Amino acid sequence: MSSEIFREIREASEAGEPRVLATVARTRGSTPRKAGATMLLRPDGTFQGTIGGGCGEAEVWQDAMDTMADGTPRLTVVDLTEPIDGDDKICGGIMEVFVERVTE
């Protein structure tokens, strides 16, 4: 996790602002990022960091916004093995991403 993400978590915690952290917990096969990659989300939907981009990151983003709203941690399974239209799809693995609210 980057020092910028740590800094933002600390500052948000001190200000009483919510943040949600999405962390790649496990990967199998070819994935855009490996275990330990993180993305920190703010209440307005903006974020810092990445867990890989594209449709998979959009799926995690939606779960993270749900966690922002209700505080419930989630494990999001991003399956990149299904064929998707387009020629730019180079991944073919599965990522498990743990989503948790880290500040209130």
PDB file of N, CA and C in Angstrom:
ATOM      1  N   MET A   1       0.861  -1.175   0.000  1.00  0.00           N
ATOM      2  CA  MET A   1       0.000   0.000   0.000  1.00  0.00           C
ATOM      3  C   MET A   1       0.901   1.230   0.000  1.00  0.00           C
ATOM      4  N   SER A   2       0.510   2.215  -0.779  1.00  0.00           N
ATOM      5  CA  SER A   2       1.349   3.399  -0.930  1.00  0.00           C
ATOM      6  C   SER A   2       1.261   4.320   0.281  1.00  0.00           C
ATOM      7  N   SER A   3       2.287   5.130   0.441  1.00  0.00           N
ATOM      8  CA  SER A   3       2.297   6.080   1.552  1.00  0.00           C
ATOM      9  C   SER A   3       1.184   7.121   1.391  1.00  0.00           C
ATOM     10  N   GLU A   4       0.786   7.427   0.147  1.00  0.00           N
ATOM     11  CA  GLU A   4      -0.299   8.379  -0.078  1.00  0.00           C
ATOM     12  C   GLU A   4      -1.617   7.829   0.463  1.00  0.00           C
ATOM     13  N   ILE A   5      -1.850   6.531   0.278  1.00  0.00           N
ATOM     14  CA  ILE A   5      -3.078   5.925   0.789  1.00  0.00           C
ATOM     15  C   ILE A   5      -3.055   5.915   2.315  1.00  0.00           C
ATOM     16  N   PHE A   6      -1.920   5.545   2.907  1.00  0.00           N
ATOM     17  CA  PHE A   6      -1.808   5.591   4.373  1.00  0.00           C
ATOM     18  C   PHE A   6      -2.080   7.000   4.897  1.00  0.00           C
ATOM     19  N   ARG A   7      -1.503   7.988   4.235  1.00  0.00           N
ATOM     20  CA  ARG A   7      -1.681   9.388   4.660  1.00  0.00           C
ATOM     21  C   ARG A   7      -3.155   9.783   4.581  1.00  0.00           C
ATOM     22  N   GLU A   8      -3.816   9.421   3.481  1.00  0.00           N
ATOM     23  CA  GLU A   8      -5.225   9.794   3.341  1.00  0.00           C
ATOM     24  C   GLU A   8      -6.093   9.088   4.387  1.00  0.00           C
ATOM     25  N   ILE A   9      -5.800   7.833   4.685  1.00  0.00           N
ATOM     26  CA  ILE A   9      -6.558   7.126   5.723  1.00  0.00           C
ATOM     27  C   ILE A   9      -6.397   7.843   7.059  1.00  0.00           C
ATOM     28  N   ARG A  10      -5.173   8.223   7.404  1.00  0.00           N
ATOM     29  CA  ARG A  10      -4.922   8.931   8.662  1.00  0.00           C
ATOM     30  C   ARG A  10      -5.667  10.265   8.704  1.00  0.00           C
ATOM     31  N   GLU A  11      -5.580  11.038   7.634  1.00  0.00           N
ATOM     32  CA  GLU A  11      -6.228  12.348   7.600  1.00  0.00           C
ATOM     33  C   GLU A  11      -7.752  12.211   7.650  1.00  0.00           C
ATOM     34  N   ALA A  12      -8.303  11.237   6.935  1.00  0.00           N
ATOM     35  CA  ALA A  12      -9.751  11.012   6.954  1.00  0.00           C
ATOM     36  C   ALA A  12     -10.213  10.576   8.331  1.00  0.00           C
ATOM     37  N   SER A  13      -9.432   9.738   8.981  1.00  0.00           N
ATOM     38  CA  SER A  13      -9.771   9.277  10.324  1.00  0.00           C
ATOM     39  C   SER A  13      -9.785  10.442  11.306  1.00  0.00           C
ATOM     40  N   GLU A  14      -8.780  11.295  11.234  1.00  0.00           N
ATOM     41  CA  GLU A  14      -8.704  12.458  12.120  1.00  0.00           C
ATOM     42  C   GLU A  14      -9.864  13.422  11.875  1.00  0.00           C
ATOM     43  N   ALA A  15     -10.332  13.509  10.633  1.00  0.00           N
ATOM     44  CA  ALA A  15     -11.431  14.418  10.286  1.00  0.00           C
ATOM     45  C   ALA A  15     -12.806  13.767  10.444  1.00  0.00           C
ATOM     46  N   GLY A  16     -12.821  12.474  10.772  1.00  0.00           N
ATOM     47  CA  GLY A  16     -14.094  11.768  10.904  1.00  0.00           C
ATOM     48  C   GLY A  16     -14.798  11.518   9.587  1.00  0.00           C
ATOM     49  N   GLU A  17     -14.024  11.412   8.511  1.00  0.00           N
ATOM     50  CA  GLU A  17     -14.585  11.185   7.178  1.00  0.00           C
ATOM     51  C   GLU A  17     -14.450   9.712   6.805  1.00  0.00           C
ATOM     52  N   PRO A  18     -15.476   9.120   6.183  1.00  0.00           N
ATOM     53  CA  PRO A  18     -15.402   7.701   5.823  1.00  0.00           C
ATOM     54  C   PRO A  18     -14.510   7.447   4.611  1.00  0.00           C
ATOM     55  N   ARG A  19     -13.851   6.309   4.643  1.00  0.00           N
ATOM     56  CA  ARG A  19     -13.085   5.809   3.499  1.00  0.00           C
ATOM     57  C   ARG A  19     -13.278   4.301   3.459  1.00  0.00           C
ATOM     58  N   VAL A  20     -13.245   3.763   2.259  1.00  0.00           N
ATOM     59  CA  VAL A  20     -13.347   2.321   2.053  1.00  0.00           C
ATOM     60  C   VAL A  20     -12.097   1.864   1.315  1.00  0.00           C
ATOM     61  N   LEU A  21     -11.521   0.775   1.806  1.00  0.00           N
ATOM     62  CA  LEU A  21     -10.319   0.215   1.207  1.00  0.00           C
ATOM     63  C   LEU A  21     -10.658  -1.101   0.529  1.00  0.00           C
ATOM     64  N   ALA A  22     -10.280  -1.215  -0.737  1.00  0.00           N
ATOM     65  CA  ALA A  22     -10.425  -2.456  -1.486  1.00  0.00           C
ATOM     66  C   ALA A  22      -9.027  -3.030  -1.687  1.00  0.00           C
ATOM     67  N   THR A  23      -8.822  -4.267  -1.246  1.00  0.00           N
ATOM     68  CA  THR A  23      -7.513  -4.902  -1.314  1.00  0.00           C
ATOM     69  C   THR A  23      -7.619  -6.233  -2.044  1.00  0.00           C
ATOM     70  N   VAL A  24      -6.785  -6.425  -3.042  1.00  0.00           N
ATOM     71  CA  VAL A  24      -6.746  -7.723  -3.714  1.00  0.00           C
ATOM     72  C   VAL A  24      -6.188  -8.714  -2.706  1.00  0.00           C
ATOM     73  N   ALA A  25      -7.014  -9.682  -2.324  1.00  0.00           N
ATOM     74  CA  ALA A  25      -6.629 -10.647  -1.307  1.00  0.00           C
ATOM     75  C   ALA A  25      -6.014 -11.903  -1.908  1.00  0.00           C
ATOM     76  N   ARG A  26      -6.488 -12.283  -3.081  1.00  0.00           N
ATOM     77  CA  ARG A  26      -6.020 -13.535  -3.692  1.00  0.00           C
ATOM     78  C   ARG A  26      -6.249 -13.465  -5.193  1.00  0.00           C
ATOM     79  N   THR A  27      -5.330 -14.045  -5.937  1.00  0.00           N
ATOM     80  CA  THR A  27      -5.493 -14.124  -7.384  1.00  0.00           C
ATOM     81  C   THR A  27      -5.188 -15.543  -7.855  1.00  0.00           C
ATOM     82  N   ARG A  28      -5.825 -15.887  -8.971  1.00  0.00           N
ATOM     83  CA  ARG A  28      -5.540 -17.154  -9.658  1.00  0.00           C
ATOM     84  C   ARG A  28      -5.496 -16.847 -11.145  1.00  0.00           C
ATOM     85  N   GLY A  29      -4.511 -17.370 -11.819  1.00  0.00           N
ATOM     86  CA  GLY A  29      -4.387 -17.127 -13.248  1.00  0.00           C
ATOM     87  C   GLY A  29      -3.839 -15.746 -13.549  1.00  0.00           C
ATOM     88  N   SER A  30      -4.116 -15.275 -14.746  1.00  0.00           N
ATOM     89  CA  SER A  30      -3.615 -13.989 -15.213  1.00  0.00           C
ATOM     90  C   SER A  30      -4.570 -12.874 -14.803  1.00  0.00           C
ATOM     91  N   THR A  31      -4.081 -11.969 -13.964  1.00  0.00           N
ATOM     92  CA  THR A  31      -4.881 -10.841 -13.482  1.00  0.00           C
ATOM     93  C   THR A  31      -4.080  -9.552 -13.630  1.00  0.00           C
ATOM     94  N   PRO A  32      -4.771  -8.412 -13.721  1.00  0.00           N
ATOM     95  CA  PRO A  32      -4.052  -7.156 -13.933  1.00  0.00           C
ATOM     96  C   PRO A  32      -3.198  -6.739 -12.739  1.00  0.00           C
ATOM     97  N   ARG A  33      -3.606  -7.106 -11.530  1.00  0.00           N
ATOM     98  CA  ARG A  33      -2.833  -6.795 -10.327  1.00  0.00           C
ATOM     99  C   ARG A  33      -2.794  -8.035  -9.456  1.00  0.00           C
ATOM    100  N   LYS A  34      -1.855  -8.091  -8.568  1.00  0.00           N
ATOM    101  CA  LYS A  34      -1.670  -9.253  -7.697  1.00  0.00           C
ATOM    102  C   LYS A  34      -2.095  -8.913  -6.267  1.00  0.00           C
ATOM    103  N   ALA A  35      -2.074  -9.917  -5.411  1.00  0.00           N
ATOM    104  CA  ALA A  35      -2.465  -9.743  -4.008  1.00  0.00           C
ATOM    105  C   ALA A  35      -1.687  -8.577  -3.394  1.00  0.00           C
ATOM    106  N   GLY A  36      -2.409  -7.769  -2.634  1.00  0.00           N
ATOM    107  CA  GLY A  36      -1.817  -6.603  -1.981  1.00  0.00           C
ATOM    108  C   GLY A  36      -2.130  -5.290  -2.676  1.00  0.00           C
ATOM    109  N   ALA A  37      -2.555  -5.324  -3.932  1.00  0.00           N
ATOM    110  CA  ALA A  37      -2.916  -4.088  -4.638  1.00  0.00           C
ATOM    111  C   ALA A  37      -4.124  -3.465  -3.940  1.00  0.00           C
ATOM    112  N   THR A  38      -4.140  -2.143  -3.829  1.00  0.00           N
ATOM    113  CA  THR A  38      -5.211  -1.464  -3.093  1.00  0.00           C
ATOM    114  C   THR A  38      -5.788  -0.290  -3.866  1.00  0.00           C
ATOM    115  N   MET A  39      -7.024   0.025  -3.488  1.00  0.00           N
ATOM    116  CA  MET A  39      -7.735   1.179  -4.012  1.00  0.00           C
ATOM    117  C   MET A  39      -8.518   1.766  -2.839  1.00  0.00           C
ATOM    118  N   LEU A  40      -8.366   3.047  -2.571  1.00  0.00           N
ATOM    119  CA  LEU A  40      -9.051   3.732  -1.485  1.00  0.00           C
ATOM    120  C   LEU A  40     -10.139   4.623  -2.059  1.00  0.00           C
ATOM    121  N   LEU A  41     -11.381   4.423  -1.588  1.00  0.00           N
ATOM    122  CA  LEU A  41     -12.523   5.172  -2.116  1.00  0.00           C
ATOM    123  C   LEU A  41     -13.031   6.204  -1.141  1.00  0.00           C
ATOM    124  N   ARG A  42     -13.477   7.332  -1.717  1.00  0.00           N
ATOM    125  CA  ARG A  42     -14.047   8.442  -0.945  1.00  0.00           C
ATOM    126  C   ARG A  42     -15.573   8.435  -1.115  1.00  0.00           C
ATOM    127  N   PRO A  43     -16.291   9.148  -0.242  1.00  0.00           N
ATOM    128  CA  PRO A  43     -17.756   9.170  -0.331  1.00  0.00           C
ATOM    129  C   PRO A  43     -18.303   9.665  -1.664  1.00  0.00           C
ATOM    130  N   ASP A  44     -17.561  10.528  -2.362  1.00  0.00           N
ATOM    131  CA  ASP A  44     -18.047  11.050  -3.644  1.00  0.00           C
ATOM    132  C   ASP A  44     -17.761  10.108  -4.815  1.00  0.00           C
ATOM    133  N   GLY A  45     -17.154   8.949  -4.525  1.00  0.00           N
ATOM    134  CA  GLY A  45     -16.882   7.968  -5.562  1.00  0.00           C
ATOM    135  C   GLY A  45     -15.507   8.059  -6.195  1.00  0.00           C
ATOM    136  N   THR A  46     -14.782   9.137  -5.915  1.00  0.00           N
ATOM    137  CA  THR A  46     -13.418   9.228  -6.426  1.00  0.00           C
ATOM    138  C   THR A  46     -12.542   8.270  -5.627  1.00  0.00           C
ATOM    139  N   PHE A  47     -11.384   7.960  -6.183  1.00  0.00           N
ATOM    140  CA  PHE A  47     -10.526   7.007  -5.501  1.00  0.00           C
ATOM    141  C   PHE A  47      -9.068   7.256  -5.811  1.00  0.00           C
ATOM    142  N   GLN A  48      -8.236   6.617  -5.018  1.00  0.00           N
ATOM    143  CA  GLN A  48      -6.787   6.670  -5.177  1.00  0.00           C
ATOM    144  C   GLN A  48      -6.289   5.237  -5.259  1.00  0.00           C
ATOM    145  N   GLY A  49      -5.364   4.955  -6.157  1.00  0.00           N
ATOM    146  CA  GLY A  49      -4.859   3.607  -6.344  1.00  0.00           C
ATOM    147  C   GLY A  49      -5.704   2.849  -7.357  1.00  0.00           C
ATOM    148  N   THR A  50      -5.343   1.595  -7.584  1.00  0.00           N
ATOM    149  CA  THR A  50      -6.076   0.776  -8.545  1.00  0.00           C
ATOM    150  C   THR A  50      -5.930  -0.700  -8.199  1.00  0.00           C
ATOM    151  N   ILE A  51      -6.951  -1.452  -8.540  1.00  0.00           N
ATOM    152  CA  ILE A  51      -6.854  -2.901  -8.417  1.00  0.00           C
ATOM    153  C   ILE A  51      -6.886  -3.537  -9.804  1.00  0.00           C
ATOM    154  N   GLY A  52      -6.753  -2.712 -10.843  1.00  0.00           N
ATOM    155  CA  GLY A  52      -6.612  -3.270 -12.175  1.00  0.00           C
ATOM    156  C   GLY A  52      -7.355  -2.592 -13.296  1.00  0.00           C
ATOM    157  N   GLY A  53      -8.300  -1.729 -13.001  1.00  0.00           N
ATOM    158  CA  GLY A  53      -9.010  -1.026 -14.058  1.00  0.00           C
ATOM    159  C   GLY A  53     -10.099  -1.859 -14.715  1.00  0.00           C
ATOM    160  N   GLY A  54     -10.764  -1.266 -15.658  1.00  0.00           N
ATOM    161  CA  GLY A  54     -11.761  -1.948 -16.468  1.00  0.00           C
ATOM    162  C   GLY A  54     -13.007  -2.376 -15.718  1.00  0.00           C
ATOM    163  N   CYS A  55     -13.681  -3.374 -16.291  1.00  0.00           N
ATOM    164  CA  CYS A  55     -14.951  -3.856 -15.746  1.00  0.00           C
ATOM    165  C   CYS A  55     -14.799  -4.425 -14.344  1.00  0.00           C
ATOM    166  N   GLY A  56     -13.698  -5.126 -14.092  1.00  0.00           N
ATOM    167  CA  GLY A  56     -13.475  -5.692 -12.757  1.00  0.00           C
ATOM    168  C   GLY A  56     -13.378  -4.629 -11.698  1.00  0.00           C
ATOM    169  N   GLU A  57     -12.651  -3.557 -11.991  1.00  0.00           N
ATOM    170  CA  GLU A  57     -12.532  -2.471 -11.026  1.00  0.00           C
ATOM    171  C   GLU A  57     -13.881  -1.783 -10.834  1.00  0.00           C
ATOM    172  N   ALA A  58     -14.671  -1.674 -11.889  1.00  0.00           N
ATOM    173  CA  ALA A  58     -16.000  -1.068 -11.777  1.00  0.00           C
ATOM    174  C   ALA A  58     -16.898  -1.900 -10.861  1.00  0.00           C
ATOM    175  N   GLU A  59     -16.788  -3.211 -10.944  1.00  0.00           N
ATOM    176  CA  GLU A  59     -17.568  -4.098 -10.074  1.00  0.00           C
ATOM    177  C   GLU A  59     -17.168  -3.909  -8.611  1.00  0.00           C
ATOM    178  N   VAL A  60     -15.871  -3.828  -8.358  1.00  0.00           N
ATOM    179  CA  VAL A  60     -15.376  -3.612  -6.998  1.00  0.00           C
ATOM    180  C   VAL A  60     -15.785  -2.225  -6.514  1.00  0.00           C
ATOM    181  N   TRP A  61     -15.716  -1.226  -7.394  1.00  0.00           N
ATOM    182  CA  TRP A  61     -16.110   0.134  -7.030  1.00  0.00           C
ATOM    183  C   TRP A  61     -17.554   0.142  -6.533  1.00  0.00           C
ATOM    184  N   GLN A  62     -18.446  -0.559  -7.243  1.00  0.00           N
ATOM    185  CA  GLN A  62     -19.855  -0.584  -6.837  1.00  0.00           C
ATOM    186  C   GLN A  62     -20.011  -1.222  -5.459  1.00  0.00           C
ATOM    187  N   ASP A  63     -19.332  -2.341  -5.229  1.00  0.00           N
ATOM    188  CA  ASP A  63     -19.394  -2.976  -3.904  1.00  0.00           C
ATOM    189  C   ASP A  63     -18.806  -2.062  -2.831  1.00  0.00           C
ATOM    190  N   ALA A  64     -17.751  -1.335  -3.181  1.00  0.00           N
ATOM    191  CA  ALA A  64     -17.142  -0.411  -2.225  1.00  0.00           C
ATOM    192  C   ALA A  64     -18.104   0.721  -1.868  1.00  0.00           C
ATOM    193  N   MET A  65     -18.852   1.206  -2.836  1.00  0.00           N
ATOM    194  CA  MET A  65     -19.825   2.259  -2.535  1.00  0.00           C
ATOM    195  C   MET A  65     -20.951   1.717  -1.651  1.00  0.00           C
ATOM    196  N   ASP A  66     -21.321   0.447  -1.843  1.00  0.00           N
ATOM    197  CA  ASP A  66     -22.308  -0.183  -0.966  1.00  0.00           C
ATOM    198  C   ASP A  66     -21.756  -0.291   0.450  1.00  0.00           C
ATOM    199  N   THR A  67     -20.483  -0.651   0.571  1.00  0.00           N
ATOM    200  CA  THR A  67     -19.842  -0.721   1.890  1.00  0.00           C
ATOM    201  C   THR A  67     -19.751   0.662   2.514  1.00  0.00           C
ATOM    202  N   MET A  68     -19.511   1.675   1.697  1.00  0.00           N
ATOM    203  CA  MET A  68     -19.477   3.051   2.204  1.00  0.00           C
ATOM    204  C   MET A  68     -20.819   3.375   2.844  1.00  0.00           C
ATOM    205  N   ALA A  69     -21.898   2.933   2.228  1.00  0.00           N
ATOM    206  CA  ALA A  69     -23.243   3.253   2.702  1.00  0.00           C
ATOM    207  C   ALA A  69     -23.647   2.465   3.934  1.00  0.00           C
ATOM    208  N   ASP A  70     -23.322   1.168   3.968  1.00  0.00           N
ATOM    209  CA  ASP A  70     -23.840   0.345   5.070  1.00  0.00           C
ATOM    210  C   ASP A  70     -22.787  -0.187   6.035  1.00  0.00           C
ATOM    211  N   GLY A  71     -21.508   0.007   5.729  1.00  0.00           N
ATOM    212  CA  GLY A  71     -20.445  -0.428   6.632  1.00  0.00           C
ATOM    213  C   GLY A  71     -20.152  -1.920   6.603  1.00  0.00           C
ATOM    214  N   THR A  72     -20.844  -2.669   5.779  1.00  0.00           N
ATOM    215  CA  THR A  72     -20.662  -4.116   5.739  1.00  0.00           C
ATOM    216  C   THR A  72     -19.475  -4.492   4.856  1.00  0.00           C
ATOM    217  N   PRO A  73     -18.483  -5.202   5.407  1.00  0.00           N
ATOM    218  CA  PRO A  73     -17.368  -5.667   4.570  1.00  0.00           C
ATOM    219  C   PRO A  73     -17.866  -6.679   3.545  1.00  0.00           C
ATOM    220  N   ARG A  74     -17.161  -6.759   2.427  1.00  0.00           N
ATOM    221  CA  ARG A  74     -17.556  -7.662   1.356  1.00  0.00           C
ATOM    222  C   ARG A  74     -16.325  -8.315   0.754  1.00  0.00           C
ATOM    223  N   LEU A  75     -16.518  -9.504   0.205  1.00  0.00           N
ATOM    224  CA  LEU A  75     -15.500 -10.156  -0.598  1.00  0.00           C
ATOM    225  C   LEU A  75     -16.057 -10.224  -2.014  1.00  0.00           C
ATOM    226  N   THR A  76     -15.449  -9.485  -2.911  1.00  0.00           N
ATOM    227  CA  THR A  76     -15.902  -9.430  -4.291  1.00  0.00           C
ATOM    228  C   THR A  76     -15.021 -10.340  -5.136  1.00  0.00           C
ATOM    229  N   VAL A  77     -15.641 -11.252  -5.841  1.00  0.00           N
ATOM    230  CA  VAL A  77     -14.912 -12.149  -6.738  1.00  0.00           C
ATOM    231  C   VAL A  77     -15.044 -11.599  -8.149  1.00  0.00           C
ATOM    232  N   VAL A  78     -13.919 -11.241  -8.730  1.00  0.00           N
ATOM    233  CA  VAL A  78     -13.873 -10.700 -10.084  1.00  0.00           C
ATOM    234  C   VAL A  78     -13.387 -11.811 -11.006  1.00  0.00           C
ATOM    235  N   ASP A  79     -14.275 -12.310 -11.835  1.00  0.00           N
ATOM    236  CA  ASP A  79     -13.969 -13.411 -12.740  1.00  0.00           C
ATOM    237  C   ASP A  79     -13.625 -12.853 -14.114  1.00  0.00           C
ATOM    238  N   LEU A  80     -12.366 -12.952 -14.469  1.00  0.00           N
ATOM    239  CA  LEU A  80     -11.889 -12.437 -15.751  1.00  0.00           C
ATOM    240  C   LEU A  80     -11.713 -13.554 -16.769  1.00  0.00           C
ATOM    241  N   THR A  81     -12.312 -14.723 -16.494  1.00  0.00           N
ATOM    242  CA  THR A  81     -12.171 -15.860 -17.407  1.00  0.00           C
ATOM    243  C   THR A  81     -13.267 -15.911 -18.453  1.00  0.00           C
ATOM    244  N   GLU A  82     -14.355 -15.173 -18.221  1.00  0.00           N
ATOM    245  CA  GLU A  82     -15.465 -15.175 -19.172  1.00  0.00           C
ATOM    246  C   GLU A  82     -15.108 -14.339 -20.387  1.00  0.00           C
ATOM    247  N   PRO A  83     -15.434 -14.813 -21.583  1.00  0.00           N
ATOM    248  CA  PRO A  83     -15.150 -14.010 -22.776  1.00  0.00           C
ATOM    249  C   PRO A  83     -15.978 -12.728 -22.793  1.00  0.00           C
ATOM    250  N   ILE A  84     -15.328 -11.652 -23.171  1.00  0.00           N
ATOM    251  CA  ILE A  84     -15.970 -10.341 -23.288  1.00  0.00           C
ATOM    252  C   ILE A  84     -15.622  -9.795 -24.661  1.00  0.00           C
ATOM    253  N   ASP A  85     -16.559  -9.129 -25.294  1.00  0.00           N
ATOM    254  CA  ASP A  85     -16.292  -8.560 -26.610  1.00  0.00           C
ATOM    255  C   ASP A  85     -15.121  -7.594 -26.541  1.00  0.00           C
ATOM    256  N   GLY A  86     -14.315  -7.603 -27.555  1.00  0.00           N
ATOM    257  CA  GLY A  86     -13.182  -6.692 -27.653  1.00  0.00           C
ATOM    258  C   GLY A  86     -11.881  -7.461 -27.775  1.00  0.00           C
ATOM    259  N   ASP A  87     -10.902  -6.810 -28.343  1.00  0.00           N
ATOM    260  CA  ASP A  87      -9.610  -7.451 -28.576  1.00  0.00           C
ATOM    261  C   ASP A  87      -8.582  -7.115 -27.514  1.00  0.00           C
ATOM    262  N   ASP A  88      -8.911  -6.240 -26.566  1.00  0.00           N
ATOM    263  CA  ASP A  88      -7.921  -5.766 -25.603  1.00  0.00           C
ATOM    264  C   ASP A  88      -7.951  -6.533 -24.284  1.00  0.00           C
ATOM    265  N   LYS A  89      -8.627  -7.661 -24.237  1.00  0.00           N
ATOM    266  CA  LYS A  89      -8.748  -8.425 -22.998  1.00  0.00           C
ATOM    267  C   LYS A  89      -7.601  -9.425 -22.914  1.00  0.00           C
ATOM    268  N   ILE A  90      -6.640  -9.173 -22.033  1.00  0.00           N
ATOM    269  CA  ILE A  90      -5.474 -10.040 -21.949  1.00  0.00           C
ATOM    270  C   ILE A  90      -5.464 -10.878 -20.675  1.00  0.00           C
ATOM    271  N   CYS A  91      -6.375 -10.635 -19.756  1.00  0.00           N
ATOM    272  CA  CYS A  91      -6.408 -11.375 -18.503  1.00  0.00           C
ATOM    273  C   CYS A  91      -7.319 -12.583 -18.645  1.00  0.00           C
ATOM    274  N   GLY A  92      -7.124 -13.532 -17.780  1.00  0.00           N
ATOM    275  CA  GLY A  92      -7.960 -14.716 -17.817  1.00  0.00           C
ATOM    276  C   GLY A  92      -8.036 -15.383 -16.464  1.00  0.00           C
ATOM    277  N   GLY A  93      -7.872 -14.619 -15.411  1.00  0.00           N
ATOM    278  CA  GLY A  93      -7.842 -15.177 -14.068  1.00  0.00           C
ATOM    279  C   GLY A  93      -8.996 -14.707 -13.206  1.00  0.00           C
ATOM    280  N   ILE A  94      -8.836 -14.938 -11.927  1.00  0.00           N
ATOM    281  CA  ILE A  94      -9.847 -14.570 -10.942  1.00  0.00           C
ATOM    282  C   ILE A  94      -9.162 -13.806  -9.815  1.00  0.00           C
ATOM    283  N   MET A  95      -9.783 -12.705  -9.398  1.00  0.00           N
ATOM    284  CA  MET A  95      -9.290 -11.931  -8.259  1.00  0.00           C
ATOM    285  C   MET A  95     -10.342 -11.941  -7.161  1.00  0.00           C
ATOM    286  N   GLU A  96      -9.912 -12.131  -5.935  1.00  0.00           N
ATOM    287  CA  GLU A  96     -10.781 -11.960  -4.780  1.00  0.00           C
ATOM    288  C   GLU A  96     -10.353 -10.665  -4.111  1.00  0.00           C
ATOM    289  N   VAL A  97     -11.303  -9.743  -3.954  1.00  0.00           N
ATOM    290  CA  VAL A  97     -10.992  -8.409  -3.435  1.00  0.00           C
ATOM    291  C   VAL A  97     -11.799  -8.179  -2.168  1.00  0.00           C
ATOM    292  N   PHE A  98     -11.085  -7.912  -1.060  1.00  0.00           N
ATOM    293  CA  PHE A  98     -11.735  -7.640   0.205  1.00  0.00           C
ATOM    294  C   PHE A  98     -12.004  -6.149   0.299  1.00  0.00           C
ATOM    295  N   VAL A  99     -13.260  -5.800   0.587  1.00  0.00           N
ATOM    296  CA  VAL A  99     -13.708  -4.411   0.654  1.00  0.00           C
ATOM    297  C   VAL A  99     -14.149  -4.114   2.082  1.00  0.00           C
ATOM    298  N   GLU A 100     -13.553  -3.081   2.713  1.00  0.00           N
ATOM    299  CA  GLU A 100     -13.890  -2.755   4.100  1.00  0.00           C
ATOM    300  C   GLU A 100     -13.830  -1.251   4.332  1.00  0.00           C
ATOM    301  N   ARG A 101     -14.700  -0.775   5.225  1.00  0.00           N
ATOM    302  CA  ARG A 101     -14.637   0.627   5.628  1.00  0.00           C
ATOM    303  C   ARG A 101     -13.533   0.736   6.663  1.00  0.00           C
ATOM    304  N   VAL A 102     -12.590   1.649   6.438  1.00  0.00           N
ATOM    305  CA  VAL A 102     -11.430   1.762   7.328  1.00  0.00           C
ATOM    306  C   VAL A 102     -11.471   3.007   8.199  1.00  0.00           C
ATOM    307  N   THR A 103     -12.373   3.922   7.912  1.00  0.00           N
ATOM    308  CA  THR A 103     -12.569   5.096   8.763  1.00  0.00           C
ATOM    309  C   THR A 103     -14.066   5.385   8.843  1.00  0.00           C
ATOM    310  N   GLU A 104     -14.448   6.164   9.844  1.00  0.00           N
ATOM    311  CA  GLU A 104     -15.875   6.496  10.023  1.00  0.00           C
ATOM    312  C   GLU A 104     -16.138   7.911   9.611  1.00  0.00           C
TER     313      GLU A 104
END
